[in-house]
Amino acid sequence: MLSQEERYAAWLWFLLALFCLRVLGQLLVALFDLSFLPSMEEWYSGLVPYGPLLVAQILIILLYGKVCLDFTWRHGYFVVPRRRLGIGLLIFGSLYLGAMVIRYVIRMSLYPDERWTGGSIPIFFHWILASFMLLVGQYHWSRTRPS
């Protein structure tokens, strides 16, 4: 039977793997314009130029990878229960997820011809990033709440 940390680690690795596939997919389209993948316009909103976006995505992968390793090894900064970290991640992750749900609703109302998936790749992966934060936050909060 898996320990609680191992279950958290498995889910965190899964979410990180999904995000890595997104980054890889977008990179492949940017470099090789592969026709079997969605076009570059589908991968990002264009608010941030692709170069800085890729750097930010790599930094996210490194940070989330460190979190995953801490949970896998069951030691390290991110696995030591911290109530304030848990509460902060739960608040920020909830606001982030909520904003992305609102963004999805607005996009689908502005572009009804693209319903349900048009232009939603970035939004979906923001949900994944927020879910990662919420999962880590829930771990910290549940481990430190008074019994």
N, C-alpha and C. Protein backbone atom coordinates (compact mmCIF):
# COMPACT_ATOMS: atom_id res chain seq x y z
N MET A 1 0.84 -1.18 0.00
CA MET A 1 0.00 0.00 0.00
C MET A 1 0.88 1.25 0.00
N LEU A 2 0.48 2.22 -0.80
CA LEU A 2 1.26 3.45 -0.91
C LEU A 2 1.04 4.35 0.30
N SER A 3 2.12 5.00 0.73
CA SER A 3 1.99 6.00 1.79
C SER A 3 1.31 7.24 1.23
N GLN A 4 0.90 8.13 2.12
CA GLN A 4 0.25 9.37 1.69
C GLN A 4 1.19 10.18 0.79
N GLU A 5 2.46 10.27 1.17
CA GLU A 5 3.42 11.02 0.36
C GLU A 5 3.59 10.38 -1.01
N GLU A 6 3.59 9.05 -1.09
CA GLU A 6 3.73 8.37 -2.37
C GLU A 6 2.52 8.61 -3.27
N ARG A 7 1.33 8.66 -2.67
CA ARG A 7 0.13 8.97 -3.46
C ARG A 7 0.19 10.41 -3.97
N TYR A 8 0.58 11.33 -3.09
CA TYR A 8 0.74 12.71 -3.54
C TYR A 8 1.80 12.78 -4.64
N ALA A 9 2.92 12.11 -4.44
CA ALA A 9 4.00 12.12 -5.44
C ALA A 9 3.50 11.62 -6.78
N ALA A 10 2.74 10.54 -6.79
CA ALA A 10 2.23 9.97 -8.04
C ALA A 10 1.36 10.99 -8.78
N TRP A 11 0.45 11.64 -8.06
CA TRP A 11 -0.42 12.63 -8.69
C TRP A 11 0.38 13.85 -9.17
N LEU A 12 1.35 14.28 -8.35
CA LEU A 12 2.15 15.44 -8.74
C LEU A 12 2.99 15.14 -9.98
N TRP A 13 3.60 13.94 -10.03
CA TRP A 13 4.36 13.55 -11.23
C TRP A 13 3.45 13.50 -12.45
N PHE A 14 2.23 12.99 -12.28
CA PHE A 14 1.28 12.92 -13.39
C PHE A 14 0.96 14.31 -13.92
N LEU A 15 0.66 15.26 -13.03
CA LEU A 15 0.36 16.63 -13.45
C LEU A 15 1.57 17.27 -14.11
N LEU A 16 2.76 17.04 -13.55
CA LEU A 16 3.98 17.58 -14.15
C LEU A 16 4.21 16.98 -15.54
N ALA A 17 3.99 15.68 -15.69
CA ALA A 17 4.17 15.04 -17.00
C ALA A 17 3.22 15.64 -18.04
N LEU A 18 1.99 15.90 -17.64
CA LEU A 18 1.05 16.53 -18.57
C LEU A 18 1.55 17.91 -19.01
N PHE A 19 2.05 18.68 -18.04
CA PHE A 19 2.57 20.01 -18.38
C PHE A 19 3.80 19.90 -19.28
N CYS A 20 4.68 18.94 -19.00
CA CYS A 20 5.86 18.74 -19.84
C CYS A 20 5.46 18.38 -21.27
N LEU A 21 4.44 17.56 -21.42
CA LEU A 21 3.95 17.22 -22.77
C LEU A 21 3.43 18.46 -23.49
N ARG A 22 2.79 19.34 -22.76
CA ARG A 22 2.31 20.59 -23.35
C ARG A 22 3.48 21.45 -23.85
N VAL A 23 4.49 21.58 -23.01
CA VAL A 23 5.66 22.38 -23.38
C VAL A 23 6.36 21.74 -24.58
N LEU A 24 6.52 20.43 -24.56
CA LEU A 24 7.15 19.73 -25.67
C LEU A 24 6.33 19.88 -26.95
N GLY A 25 5.02 19.73 -26.85
CA GLY A 25 4.16 19.87 -28.02
C GLY A 25 4.30 21.24 -28.65
N GLN A 26 4.26 22.27 -27.82
CA GLN A 26 4.39 23.63 -28.34
C GLN A 26 5.77 23.86 -28.95
N LEU A 27 6.80 23.34 -28.32
CA LEU A 27 8.16 23.49 -28.84
C LEU A 27 8.30 22.80 -30.20
N LEU A 28 7.75 21.61 -30.32
CA LEU A 28 7.80 20.89 -31.60
C LEU A 28 7.09 21.67 -32.71
N VAL A 29 5.95 22.26 -32.38
CA VAL A 29 5.23 23.06 -33.37
C VAL A 29 6.03 24.31 -33.74
N ALA A 30 6.65 24.93 -32.73
CA ALA A 30 7.45 26.14 -32.99
C ALA A 30 8.66 25.84 -33.86
N LEU A 31 9.31 24.70 -33.62
CA LEU A 31 10.53 24.37 -34.37
C LEU A 31 10.27 23.71 -35.72
N PHE A 32 9.25 22.85 -35.76
CA PHE A 32 9.08 22.01 -36.95
C PHE A 32 7.72 22.16 -37.63
N ASP A 33 6.83 22.95 -37.07
CA ASP A 33 5.50 23.17 -37.65
C ASP A 33 4.84 21.85 -38.05
N LEU A 34 4.76 20.94 -37.08
CA LEU A 34 4.19 19.62 -37.33
C LEU A 34 2.69 19.71 -37.58
N SER A 35 2.24 19.10 -38.64
CA SER A 35 0.83 19.23 -39.03
C SER A 35 -0.11 18.39 -38.16
N PHE A 36 0.41 17.35 -37.50
CA PHE A 36 -0.48 16.51 -36.70
C PHE A 36 -0.74 17.10 -35.30
N LEU A 37 -0.07 18.20 -34.98
CA LEU A 37 -0.32 18.91 -33.72
C LEU A 37 -1.06 20.21 -34.02
N PRO A 38 -1.78 20.75 -33.03
CA PRO A 38 -2.47 22.03 -33.26
C PRO A 38 -1.48 23.13 -33.64
N SER A 39 -1.96 24.10 -34.38
CA SER A 39 -1.10 25.21 -34.83
C SER A 39 -0.62 26.02 -33.63
N MET A 40 0.41 26.83 -33.87
CA MET A 40 1.01 27.63 -32.80
C MET A 40 -0.02 28.54 -32.14
N GLU A 41 -0.96 29.06 -32.90
CA GLU A 41 -1.97 29.96 -32.35
C GLU A 41 -2.83 29.27 -31.29
N GLU A 42 -2.97 27.96 -31.40
CA GLU A 42 -3.78 27.20 -30.44
C GLU A 42 -3.04 26.98 -29.12
N TRP A 43 -1.71 27.07 -29.13
CA TRP A 43 -0.91 26.73 -27.96
C TRP A 43 -0.79 27.86 -26.95
N TYR A 44 -0.90 29.09 -27.42
CA TYR A 44 -0.74 30.19 -26.47
C TYR A 44 -1.47 31.43 -26.94
N SER A 45 -1.75 32.31 -26.00
CA SER A 45 -2.57 33.49 -26.28
C SER A 45 -1.79 34.58 -27.01
N GLY A 46 -0.48 34.53 -26.97
CA GLY A 46 0.31 35.56 -27.62
C GLY A 46 0.59 36.76 -26.73
N LEU A 47 0.14 36.72 -25.48
CA LEU A 47 0.39 37.84 -24.58
C LEU A 47 1.87 37.97 -24.24
N VAL A 48 2.55 36.82 -24.19
CA VAL A 48 3.98 36.80 -23.90
C VAL A 48 4.67 36.19 -25.12
N PRO A 49 5.71 36.83 -25.64
CA PRO A 49 6.42 36.23 -26.77
C PRO A 49 6.91 34.82 -26.41
N TYR A 50 7.01 33.96 -27.42
CA TYR A 50 7.29 32.55 -27.15
C TYR A 50 8.61 32.33 -26.41
N GLY A 51 9.66 33.06 -26.73
CA GLY A 51 10.96 32.86 -26.06
C GLY A 51 10.86 33.00 -24.54
N PRO A 52 10.39 34.16 -24.06
CA PRO A 52 10.23 34.30 -22.61
C PRO A 52 9.23 33.31 -22.01
N LEU A 53 8.19 32.97 -22.77
CA LEU A 53 7.22 31.98 -22.30
C LEU A 53 7.89 30.63 -22.08
N LEU A 54 8.73 30.22 -23.03
CA LEU A 54 9.43 28.94 -22.92
C LEU A 54 10.36 28.94 -21.70
N VAL A 55 11.06 30.04 -21.48
CA VAL A 55 11.93 30.15 -20.31
C VAL A 55 11.09 29.99 -19.03
N ALA A 56 9.96 30.69 -18.97
CA ALA A 56 9.10 30.58 -17.79
C ALA A 56 8.59 29.15 -17.61
N GLN A 57 8.22 28.49 -18.70
CA GLN A 57 7.75 27.11 -18.62
C GLN A 57 8.84 26.18 -18.11
N ILE A 58 10.06 26.38 -18.54
CA ILE A 58 11.18 25.55 -18.08
C ILE A 58 11.41 25.78 -16.58
N LEU A 59 11.32 27.03 -16.14
CA LEU A 59 11.47 27.32 -14.71
C LEU A 59 10.36 26.66 -13.89
N ILE A 60 9.14 26.68 -14.42
CA ILE A 60 8.03 26.00 -13.73
C ILE A 60 8.31 24.50 -13.65
N ILE A 61 8.79 23.92 -14.74
CA ILE A 61 9.10 22.48 -14.74
C ILE A 61 10.17 22.16 -13.70
N LEU A 62 11.20 23.00 -13.60
CA LEU A 62 12.26 22.77 -12.62
C LEU A 62 11.72 22.87 -11.19
N LEU A 63 10.91 23.89 -10.91
CA LEU A 63 10.35 24.06 -9.57
C LEU A 63 9.41 22.91 -9.24
N TYR A 64 8.50 22.60 -10.14
CA TYR A 64 7.55 21.51 -9.89
C TYR A 64 8.29 20.17 -9.81
N GLY A 65 9.35 20.02 -10.58
CA GLY A 65 10.16 18.80 -10.49
C GLY A 65 10.79 18.65 -9.12
N LYS A 66 11.27 19.76 -8.54
CA LYS A 66 11.84 19.73 -7.19
C LYS A 66 10.77 19.32 -6.17
N VAL A 67 9.57 19.85 -6.33
CA VAL A 67 8.47 19.48 -5.43
C VAL A 67 8.20 17.98 -5.55
N CYS A 68 8.13 17.48 -6.79
CA CYS A 68 7.88 16.05 -7.01
C CYS A 68 8.98 15.19 -6.39
N LEU A 69 10.22 15.60 -6.55
CA LEU A 69 11.33 14.84 -5.97
C LEU A 69 11.25 14.82 -4.45
N ASP A 70 10.91 15.96 -3.84
CA ASP A 70 10.77 16.00 -2.38
C ASP A 70 9.70 15.02 -1.91
N PHE A 71 8.58 14.97 -2.62
CA PHE A 71 7.52 14.03 -2.24
C PHE A 71 7.94 12.58 -2.49
N THR A 72 8.66 12.35 -3.57
CA THR A 72 9.12 11.00 -3.88
C THR A 72 10.11 10.51 -2.84
N TRP A 73 11.06 11.37 -2.47
CA TRP A 73 12.09 11.00 -1.50
C TRP A 73 11.59 11.12 -0.06
N ARG A 74 10.44 11.77 0.11
CA ARG A 74 9.83 12.01 1.42
C ARG A 74 10.70 12.84 2.35
N HIS A 75 11.49 13.69 1.79
CA HIS A 75 12.22 14.70 2.57
C HIS A 75 12.56 15.86 1.66
N GLY A 76 12.84 16.98 2.26
CA GLY A 76 13.12 18.19 1.49
C GLY A 76 12.13 19.28 1.87
N TYR A 77 12.39 20.47 1.39
CA TYR A 77 11.61 21.64 1.77
C TYR A 77 10.12 21.46 1.54
N PHE A 78 9.73 20.94 0.38
CA PHE A 78 8.32 20.93 0.00
C PHE A 78 7.50 19.82 0.63
N VAL A 79 8.13 18.88 1.32
CA VAL A 79 7.38 17.80 1.95
C VAL A 79 7.26 17.99 3.46
N VAL A 80 8.04 18.91 4.02
CA VAL A 80 7.93 19.22 5.44
C VAL A 80 6.66 20.07 5.62
N PRO A 81 5.69 19.57 6.40
CA PRO A 81 4.42 20.27 6.54
C PRO A 81 4.58 21.70 7.08
N ARG A 82 4.00 22.65 6.35
CA ARG A 82 4.03 24.06 6.73
C ARG A 82 2.62 24.62 6.54
N ARG A 83 2.00 25.00 7.61
CA ARG A 83 0.61 25.47 7.55
C ARG A 83 0.47 26.72 6.67
N ARG A 84 1.33 27.69 6.87
CA ARG A 84 1.23 28.94 6.08
C ARG A 84 1.43 28.67 4.59
N LEU A 85 2.35 27.79 4.25
CA LEU A 85 2.54 27.43 2.84
C LEU A 85 1.28 26.78 2.30
N GLY A 86 0.70 25.87 3.08
CA GLY A 86 -0.52 25.21 2.65
C GLY A 86 -1.67 26.17 2.42
N ILE A 87 -1.88 27.05 3.37
CA ILE A 87 -2.96 28.03 3.23
C ILE A 87 -2.70 28.96 2.05
N GLY A 88 -1.45 29.41 1.91
CA GLY A 88 -1.11 30.29 0.79
C GLY A 88 -1.34 29.62 -0.56
N LEU A 89 -0.91 28.37 -0.68
CA LEU A 89 -1.10 27.65 -1.93
C LEU A 89 -2.57 27.38 -2.21
N LEU A 90 -3.33 27.07 -1.16
CA LEU A 90 -4.77 26.84 -1.35
C LEU A 90 -5.48 28.11 -1.80
N ILE A 91 -5.14 29.24 -1.20
CA ILE A 91 -5.76 30.51 -1.59
C ILE A 91 -5.35 30.88 -3.01
N PHE A 92 -4.03 30.91 -3.27
CA PHE A 92 -3.56 31.31 -4.59
C PHE A 92 -4.03 30.33 -5.66
N GLY A 93 -3.92 29.04 -5.38
CA GLY A 93 -4.34 28.03 -6.36
C GLY A 93 -5.83 28.12 -6.67
N SER A 94 -6.64 28.41 -5.65
CA SER A 94 -8.09 28.55 -5.87
C SER A 94 -8.40 29.78 -6.72
N LEU A 95 -7.74 30.90 -6.41
CA LEU A 95 -7.94 32.11 -7.20
C LEU A 95 -7.47 31.91 -8.65
N TYR A 96 -6.33 31.27 -8.80
CA TYR A 96 -5.77 30.98 -10.12
C TYR A 96 -6.71 30.08 -10.92
N LEU A 97 -7.17 29.00 -10.31
CA LEU A 97 -8.09 28.10 -10.99
C LEU A 97 -9.40 28.81 -11.31
N GLY A 98 -9.90 29.56 -10.37
CA GLY A 98 -11.14 30.31 -10.61
C GLY A 98 -11.00 31.29 -11.76
N ALA A 99 -9.88 32.00 -11.82
CA ALA A 99 -9.65 32.94 -12.91
C ALA A 99 -9.59 32.23 -14.25
N MET A 100 -9.00 31.04 -14.27
CA MET A 100 -8.90 30.30 -15.52
C MET A 100 -10.25 29.71 -15.95
N VAL A 101 -11.08 29.36 -14.99
CA VAL A 101 -12.44 28.90 -15.33
C VAL A 101 -13.22 30.07 -15.93
N ILE A 102 -13.10 31.25 -15.31
CA ILE A 102 -13.77 32.44 -15.85
C ILE A 102 -13.23 32.76 -17.24
N ARG A 103 -11.92 32.66 -17.41
CA ARG A 103 -11.32 32.91 -18.73
C ARG A 103 -11.90 31.95 -19.77
N TYR A 104 -12.06 30.69 -19.40
CA TYR A 104 -12.63 29.71 -20.32
C TYR A 104 -14.07 30.09 -20.69
N VAL A 105 -14.87 30.45 -19.69
CA VAL A 105 -16.27 30.83 -19.94
C VAL A 105 -16.33 32.05 -20.85
N ILE A 106 -15.50 33.03 -20.60
CA ILE A 106 -15.48 34.24 -21.43
C ILE A 106 -15.07 33.89 -22.85
N ARG A 107 -14.03 33.09 -22.98
CA ARG A 107 -13.57 32.71 -24.33
C ARG A 107 -14.66 31.97 -25.10
N MET A 108 -15.32 31.06 -24.44
CA MET A 108 -16.35 30.28 -25.12
C MET A 108 -17.56 31.15 -25.47
N SER A 109 -17.82 32.20 -24.68
CA SER A 109 -18.93 33.09 -25.01
C SER A 109 -18.55 34.06 -26.13
N LEU A 110 -17.28 34.44 -26.20
CA LEU A 110 -16.84 35.35 -27.27
C LEU A 110 -16.62 34.63 -28.60
N TYR A 111 -16.27 33.37 -28.54
CA TYR A 111 -15.99 32.60 -29.75
C TYR A 111 -16.83 31.31 -29.76
N PRO A 112 -18.14 31.45 -29.90
CA PRO A 112 -19.00 30.26 -29.84
C PRO A 112 -18.72 29.24 -30.93
N ASP A 113 -18.16 29.67 -32.05
CA ASP A 113 -17.83 28.74 -33.13
C ASP A 113 -16.68 27.80 -32.75
N GLU A 114 -15.92 28.14 -31.71
CA GLU A 114 -14.80 27.31 -31.27
C GLU A 114 -15.15 26.44 -30.08
N ARG A 115 -16.41 26.46 -29.67
CA ARG A 115 -16.83 25.68 -28.52
C ARG A 115 -16.50 24.23 -28.76
N TRP A 116 -16.07 23.49 -27.94
CA TRP A 116 -15.67 23.46 -26.56
C TRP A 116 -14.17 23.53 -26.38
N THR A 117 -13.44 23.30 -27.43
CA THR A 117 -11.99 23.19 -27.24
C THR A 117 -11.17 24.26 -27.95
N GLY A 118 -11.77 25.04 -28.80
CA GLY A 118 -11.00 26.03 -29.56
C GLY A 118 -10.28 27.02 -28.67
N GLY A 119 -8.97 27.14 -28.84
CA GLY A 119 -8.18 28.09 -28.09
C GLY A 119 -8.05 27.79 -26.61
N SER A 120 -8.38 26.57 -26.22
CA SER A 120 -8.40 26.27 -24.80
C SER A 120 -7.18 25.50 -24.30
N ILE A 121 -6.22 25.22 -25.16
CA ILE A 121 -5.02 24.50 -24.70
C ILE A 121 -4.33 25.25 -23.56
N PRO A 122 -4.06 26.55 -23.69
CA PRO A 122 -3.40 27.24 -22.56
C PRO A 122 -4.25 27.22 -21.30
N ILE A 123 -5.55 27.39 -21.45
CA ILE A 123 -6.44 27.42 -20.29
C ILE A 123 -6.41 26.07 -19.58
N PHE A 124 -6.52 25.00 -20.33
CA PHE A 124 -6.51 23.66 -19.75
C PHE A 124 -5.22 23.43 -18.96
N PHE A 125 -4.09 23.85 -19.50
CA PHE A 125 -2.83 23.62 -18.79
C PHE A 125 -2.63 24.57 -17.62
N HIS A 126 -3.30 25.72 -17.62
CA HIS A 126 -3.32 26.54 -16.41
C HIS A 126 -4.10 25.81 -15.31
N TRP A 127 -5.15 25.09 -15.70
CA TRP A 127 -5.89 24.28 -14.72
C TRP A 127 -4.98 23.24 -14.10
N ILE A 128 -4.10 22.65 -14.91
CA ILE A 128 -3.17 21.64 -14.40
C ILE A 128 -2.18 22.27 -13.42
N LEU A 129 -1.64 23.44 -13.78
CA LEU A 129 -0.70 24.11 -12.88
C LEU A 129 -1.39 24.49 -11.57
N ALA A 130 -2.63 24.98 -11.66
CA ALA A 130 -3.37 25.33 -10.44
C ALA A 130 -3.66 24.09 -9.62
N SER A 131 -4.00 22.98 -10.27
CA SER A 131 -4.28 21.73 -9.56
C SER A 131 -3.06 21.25 -8.80
N PHE A 132 -1.89 21.41 -9.39
CA PHE A 132 -0.64 21.05 -8.73
C PHE A 132 -0.50 21.85 -7.43
N MET A 133 -0.71 23.17 -7.52
CA MET A 133 -0.62 24.03 -6.33
C MET A 133 -1.63 23.62 -5.28
N LEU A 134 -2.85 23.35 -5.71
CA LEU A 134 -3.90 22.97 -4.78
C LEU A 134 -3.58 21.65 -4.08
N LEU A 135 -3.01 20.73 -4.81
CA LEU A 135 -2.66 19.43 -4.23
C LEU A 135 -1.56 19.59 -3.18
N VAL A 136 -0.53 20.35 -3.50
CA VAL A 136 0.54 20.59 -2.53
C VAL A 136 -0.01 21.38 -1.33
N GLY A 137 -0.84 22.37 -1.61
CA GLY A 137 -1.44 23.14 -0.53
C GLY A 137 -2.30 22.28 0.38
N GLN A 138 -3.08 21.38 -0.20
CA GLN A 138 -3.94 20.50 0.59
C GLN A 138 -3.10 19.58 1.47
N TYR A 139 -1.98 19.10 0.93
CA TYR A 139 -1.07 18.26 1.73
C TYR A 139 -0.59 19.02 2.96
N HIS A 140 -0.09 20.22 2.75
CA HIS A 140 0.45 21.01 3.87
C HIS A 140 -0.65 21.39 4.86
N TRP A 141 -1.78 21.81 4.36
CA TRP A 141 -2.88 22.21 5.24
C TRP A 141 -3.38 21.03 6.06
N SER A 142 -3.59 19.88 5.40
CA SER A 142 -4.13 18.73 6.12
C SER A 142 -3.14 18.16 7.14
N ARG A 143 -1.85 18.30 6.88
CA ARG A 143 -0.84 17.78 7.79
C ARG A 143 -0.61 18.67 9.00
N THR A 144 -1.11 19.90 8.95
CA THR A 144 -0.82 20.85 10.04
C THR A 144 -2.08 21.34 10.75
N ARG A 145 -3.26 20.92 10.32
CA ARG A 145 -4.47 21.40 10.99
C ARG A 145 -4.62 20.71 12.34
N PRO A 146 -5.17 21.44 13.28
CA PRO A 146 -5.34 20.85 14.62
C PRO A 146 -6.28 19.65 14.58
N SER A 147 -5.98 18.63 15.38
CA SER A 147 -6.81 17.43 15.37
C SER A 147 -7.98 17.54 16.32
